[in-house]
Amino acid sequence: MFGDLVRRPVVAAFGLVAVILLAGCADTRGGTLPYDRPLAAPDEQHFQVLPENYKIAPMDTLAVKLYQGNLLPGQDQISGDYAVDLAGHISLPLVGEVEAANLTTAQLDTELTQLFGAKYFQHPDVSVAIKKSTAHVVTVDGAVQQAGQYPVGGPISLIQAVALAHGTTDDANARRVAVFRTIEGRRAAAAFDLTSIRRGEAKDPPIYPGDVVVVDGSKVKATEKQLFQALPLLYVFQYLP
């Protein structure tokens, strides 16, 4: 239900739906996110190239490499790709969850070097790079036919975003669709009734590059206990008036 959000890495947004969308009968509205209240436009984004001072965002994918010759047994699996969850964290071997959002790669590089060097390695050399950025894509997940990240050149509508994912699944509850967006450096969220939008009873809201769209569904809620450890994250989300 709309309540606690989580700090573990996002493997898929299925678990996210479980904690933000109210459990209950399908095809009904619910939860604490406001319906049909417009989200402001997101922070301005530049689509040519990522600047050197680009701040890591939720749902980005980072390539982390640790260069160290004297690894202990079992400590050679640190280098790899890591997804930033919606709370802005990545989870790494040995050091656990690390705040990544709103840092540059250089700042995170320094943070990880200190963490690994403080206890595990002598003079570790850590490299952090952006492997995939949400700045150019819309992420669609939950009860859709083909969840994923879809490149867009500018604003599209919510219906168009769901269509990119080949529409909703049979178990989808189209009356509960959550949209997550970064506004003024903070994560904001709102709920929309896709059924009402399709009937012309509600406006089809614009969806921008960087947005995350999550469609509720019965199979989505079933993974709640397995995927995430709930924890309040009200400091991440700003519910718009």
Protein backbone atom coordinates (compact mmCIF):
# COMPACT_ATOMS: atom_id res chain seq x y z
CA MET A 1 0.00 0.00 0.00
CA PHE A 2 1.07 3.62 -0.24
CA GLY A 3 3.27 3.66 2.83
CA ASP A 4 6.82 2.76 3.46
CA LEU A 5 9.27 2.90 0.62
CA VAL A 6 12.57 1.09 0.40
CA ARG A 7 16.31 1.37 0.33
CA ARG A 8 17.37 -1.85 -1.34
CA PRO A 9 18.47 -1.68 -4.97
CA VAL A 10 15.82 -1.73 -7.60
CA VAL A 11 16.08 -4.89 -9.65
CA ALA A 12 12.66 -4.07 -11.08
CA ALA A 13 9.93 -1.68 -10.01
CA PHE A 14 7.64 -4.58 -9.05
CA GLY A 15 8.50 -4.29 -5.37
CA LEU A 16 8.08 -0.53 -5.55
CA VAL A 17 4.49 -0.93 -6.65
CA ALA A 18 3.85 -3.22 -3.74
CA VAL A 19 4.73 -0.54 -1.22
CA ILE A 20 3.21 2.50 -2.93
CA LEU A 21 -0.02 1.09 -4.36
CA LEU A 22 -2.83 0.09 -2.02
CA ALA A 23 -3.47 -3.64 -1.85
CA GLY A 24 -7.08 -4.65 -2.38
CA CYS A 25 -9.54 -5.45 -5.09
CA ALA A 26 -8.41 -4.86 -8.64
CA ASP A 27 -9.78 -2.06 -10.79
CA THR A 28 -10.17 0.40 -7.93
CA ARG A 29 -8.48 3.61 -6.91
CA GLY A 30 -6.63 3.87 -3.65
CA GLY A 31 -3.60 5.09 -1.73
CA THR A 32 -2.42 8.45 -0.45
CA LEU A 33 -0.89 9.89 -3.62
CA PRO A 34 -3.15 12.63 -5.02
CA TYR A 35 -5.09 11.82 -8.18
CA ASP A 36 -5.36 14.07 -11.23
CA ARG A 37 -3.32 16.89 -9.71
CA PRO A 38 -0.75 18.09 -12.24
CA LEU A 39 2.91 17.54 -11.51
CA ALA A 40 5.07 20.53 -12.31
CA ALA A 41 7.52 20.19 -15.18
CA PRO A 42 10.72 18.35 -14.19
CA ASP A 43 14.10 19.96 -13.71
CA GLU A 44 15.64 21.10 -16.97
CA GLN A 45 17.72 18.41 -18.63
CA HIS A 46 20.33 18.63 -21.35
CA PHE A 47 20.23 15.89 -23.94
CA GLN A 48 23.41 16.36 -25.97
CA VAL A 49 25.96 14.76 -23.63
CA LEU A 50 26.16 14.27 -19.90
CA PRO A 51 28.20 17.14 -18.41
CA GLU A 52 31.21 16.45 -16.22
CA ASN A 53 29.27 17.68 -13.18
CA TYR A 54 26.27 15.44 -13.92
CA LYS A 55 24.58 14.39 -10.67
CA ILE A 56 23.73 10.71 -10.35
CA ALA A 57 19.96 10.13 -10.41
CA PRO A 58 17.69 7.33 -9.19
CA MET A 59 17.38 4.49 -11.73
CA ASP A 60 20.77 5.31 -13.29
CA THR A 61 23.16 2.40 -13.79
CA LEU A 62 26.74 2.84 -12.59
CA ALA A 63 29.87 0.92 -13.60
CA VAL A 64 32.09 0.53 -10.55
CA LYS A 65 35.62 -0.84 -10.86
CA LEU A 66 37.99 -1.60 -8.00
CA TYR A 67 41.67 -1.92 -8.87
CA GLN A 68 43.53 -3.66 -6.07
CA GLY A 69 46.12 -6.40 -6.39
CA ASN A 70 45.84 -7.92 -2.93
CA LEU A 71 42.25 -9.09 -2.70
CA LEU A 72 41.21 -11.50 -0.01
CA PRO A 73 39.24 -14.63 -1.01
CA GLY A 74 35.71 -13.75 -2.01
CA GLN A 75 36.48 -10.06 -2.47
CA ASP A 76 37.12 -10.13 -6.21
CA GLN A 77 33.48 -9.61 -7.19
CA ILE A 78 33.19 -5.93 -6.34
CA SER A 79 33.67 -4.53 -9.82
CA GLY A 80 30.43 -4.53 -11.81
CA ASP A 81 27.30 -2.64 -12.77
CA TYR A 82 25.02 -1.34 -10.04
CA ALA A 83 21.51 0.13 -10.33
CA VAL A 84 20.65 3.20 -8.29
CA ASP A 85 17.33 2.60 -6.53
CA LEU A 86 14.54 5.15 -6.22
CA ALA A 87 15.87 6.14 -2.80
CA GLY A 88 19.19 7.06 -4.43
CA HIS A 89 21.31 4.18 -3.09
CA ILE A 90 23.48 1.44 -4.52
CA SER A 91 24.32 -1.75 -2.63
CA LEU A 92 27.92 -2.93 -2.82
CA PRO A 93 29.71 -5.98 -1.43
CA LEU A 94 31.44 -5.42 1.92
CA VAL A 95 30.25 -1.82 2.47
CA GLY A 96 26.53 -2.32 1.88
CA GLU A 97 24.23 0.54 0.89
CA VAL A 98 25.84 3.78 -0.19
CA GLU A 99 24.16 7.09 -1.02
CA ALA A 100 24.76 7.81 -4.71
CA ALA A 101 22.06 10.20 -5.91
CA ASN A 102 22.96 13.89 -6.22
CA LEU A 103 26.68 13.07 -6.29
CA THR A 104 28.96 13.37 -9.28
CA THR A 105 30.90 10.25 -10.30
CA ALA A 106 34.04 11.91 -8.94
CA GLN A 107 32.40 12.49 -5.56
CA LEU A 108 31.14 8.92 -5.37
CA ASP A 109 34.58 7.70 -6.47
CA THR A 110 36.10 9.50 -3.48
CA GLU A 111 33.43 8.17 -1.11
CA LEU A 112 33.94 4.57 -2.19
CA THR A 113 37.72 4.87 -2.06
CA GLN A 114 37.44 6.00 1.56
CA LEU A 115 34.97 3.26 2.47
CA PHE A 116 36.97 0.43 0.96
CA GLY A 117 40.29 1.84 2.17
CA ALA A 118 39.14 2.34 5.76
CA LYS A 119 38.74 -1.38 6.47
CA TYR A 120 39.28 -3.72 3.57
CA PHE A 121 42.11 -2.65 1.23
CA GLN A 122 45.34 -0.72 1.25
CA HIS A 123 45.29 2.17 -1.20
CA PRO A 124 42.31 1.01 -3.28
CA ASP A 125 41.76 2.62 -6.68
CA VAL A 126 38.04 2.99 -7.41
CA SER A 127 36.55 4.15 -10.69
CA VAL A 128 32.88 5.13 -11.13
CA ALA A 129 31.22 5.84 -14.48
CA ILE A 130 27.68 6.34 -15.72
CA LYS A 131 26.74 3.30 -17.79
CA LYS A 132 23.11 4.22 -18.32
CA SER A 133 21.38 7.50 -17.50
CA THR A 134 17.67 8.14 -17.11
CA ALA A 135 18.13 11.66 -18.49
CA HIS A 136 17.13 10.52 -21.99
CA VAL A 137 14.58 7.79 -21.24
CA VAL A 138 11.19 7.11 -19.69
CA THR A 139 11.09 4.05 -17.43
CA VAL A 140 7.85 2.04 -17.54
CA ASP A 141 7.40 -0.86 -15.13
CA GLY A 142 4.86 -2.84 -13.17
CA ALA A 143 1.90 -4.54 -14.87
CA VAL A 144 2.90 -3.81 -18.47
CA GLN A 145 3.67 -6.18 -21.32
CA GLN A 146 7.30 -5.14 -21.78
CA ALA A 147 8.78 -3.21 -18.88
CA GLY A 148 11.92 -1.24 -19.64
CA GLN A 149 13.53 2.09 -20.38
CA TYR A 150 12.48 3.80 -23.60
CA PRO A 151 14.37 6.64 -25.29
CA VAL A 152 12.28 9.77 -25.85
CA GLY A 153 13.23 13.07 -27.40
CA GLY A 154 10.82 15.17 -25.35
CA PRO A 155 7.53 15.08 -23.48
CA ILE A 156 5.01 12.37 -24.31
CA SER A 157 1.66 11.54 -22.69
CA LEU A 158 1.00 8.89 -20.06
CA ILE A 159 -0.98 6.81 -22.55
CA GLN A 160 1.94 7.03 -25.00
CA ALA A 161 4.39 5.97 -22.27
CA VAL A 162 2.33 2.86 -21.46
CA ALA A 163 2.03 2.15 -25.18
CA LEU A 164 5.84 2.10 -25.43
CA ALA A 165 5.71 -0.85 -23.02
CA HIS A 166 3.16 -2.57 -25.30
CA GLY A 167 0.22 -1.77 -23.04
CA THR A 168 -0.96 -3.19 -19.74
CA THR A 169 -1.18 -6.86 -18.77
CA ASP A 170 -4.39 -8.76 -18.04
CA ASP A 171 -3.88 -8.41 -14.29
CA ALA A 172 -3.16 -4.67 -14.44
CA ASN A 173 -5.15 -2.21 -12.39
CA ALA A 174 -5.15 0.75 -14.76
CA ARG A 175 -6.89 2.89 -12.15
CA ARG A 176 -3.68 3.05 -10.12
CA VAL A 177 -0.66 4.30 -12.04
CA ALA A 178 2.16 6.09 -10.21
CA VAL A 179 4.49 8.63 -11.82
CA PHE A 180 7.79 9.56 -10.17
CA ARG A 181 9.69 12.70 -11.17
CA THR A 182 12.58 14.88 -9.97
CA ILE A 183 11.42 18.44 -9.31
CA GLU A 184 13.74 21.07 -7.82
CA GLY A 185 16.20 18.35 -6.90
CA ARG A 186 13.65 16.25 -5.00
CA ARG A 187 11.62 13.19 -5.91
CA ALA A 188 7.91 13.86 -6.42
CA ALA A 189 5.12 11.39 -7.07
CA ALA A 190 1.47 11.39 -8.10
CA ALA A 191 -1.15 8.81 -9.03
CA PHE A 192 -3.28 8.73 -12.18
CA ASP A 193 -6.35 6.79 -13.30
CA LEU A 194 -5.50 5.46 -16.75
CA THR A 195 -9.02 4.13 -17.24
CA SER A 196 -10.53 7.59 -16.75
CA ILE A 197 -7.92 9.09 -19.07
CA ARG A 198 -8.76 6.59 -21.80
CA ARG A 199 -12.46 7.43 -21.45
CA GLY A 200 -11.77 11.14 -21.75
CA GLU A 201 -12.87 11.76 -18.17
CA ALA A 202 -9.43 12.97 -17.07
CA LYS A 203 -6.55 14.71 -18.80
CA ASP A 204 -3.67 12.68 -20.20
CA PRO A 205 -0.69 14.11 -18.25
CA PRO A 206 2.66 14.80 -19.90
CA ILE A 207 5.51 12.38 -19.17
CA TYR A 208 9.07 13.68 -19.44
CA PRO A 209 12.48 12.08 -19.96
CA GLY A 210 13.65 10.88 -16.56
CA ASP A 211 10.15 9.98 -15.34
CA VAL A 212 9.34 6.56 -13.90
CA VAL A 213 5.85 5.17 -14.62
CA VAL A 214 4.62 2.20 -12.56
CA VAL A 215 1.33 0.38 -13.29
CA ASP A 216 -0.33 -1.52 -10.45
CA GLY A 217 -1.33 -5.18 -10.83
CA SER A 218 -2.09 -8.29 -8.80
CA LYS A 219 1.15 -10.08 -9.72
CA VAL A 220 3.12 -6.98 -8.82
CA LYS A 221 1.87 -6.97 -5.22
CA ALA A 222 2.72 -10.65 -4.74
CA THR A 223 6.48 -9.92 -4.69
CA GLU A 224 6.36 -7.37 -1.87
CA LYS A 225 7.77 -9.54 0.94
CA GLN A 226 10.43 -11.15 -1.23
CA LEU A 227 12.03 -8.12 -2.84
CA PHE A 228 12.11 -5.24 -0.39
CA GLN A 229 12.68 -4.25 3.20
CA ALA A 230 10.26 -1.44 3.90
CA LEU A 231 11.48 1.83 5.38
CA PRO A 232 10.00 5.36 5.45
CA LEU A 233 11.42 7.63 2.77
CA LEU A 234 9.26 10.70 3.09
CA TYR A 235 12.38 12.84 2.68
CA VAL A 236 12.69 11.51 -0.86
CA PHE A 237 9.14 12.15 -1.99
CA GLN A 238 7.40 15.48 -2.02
CA TYR A 239 3.64 15.09 -2.35
CA LEU A 240 2.47 18.07 -4.36
CA PRO A 241 -0.43 20.20 -3.04
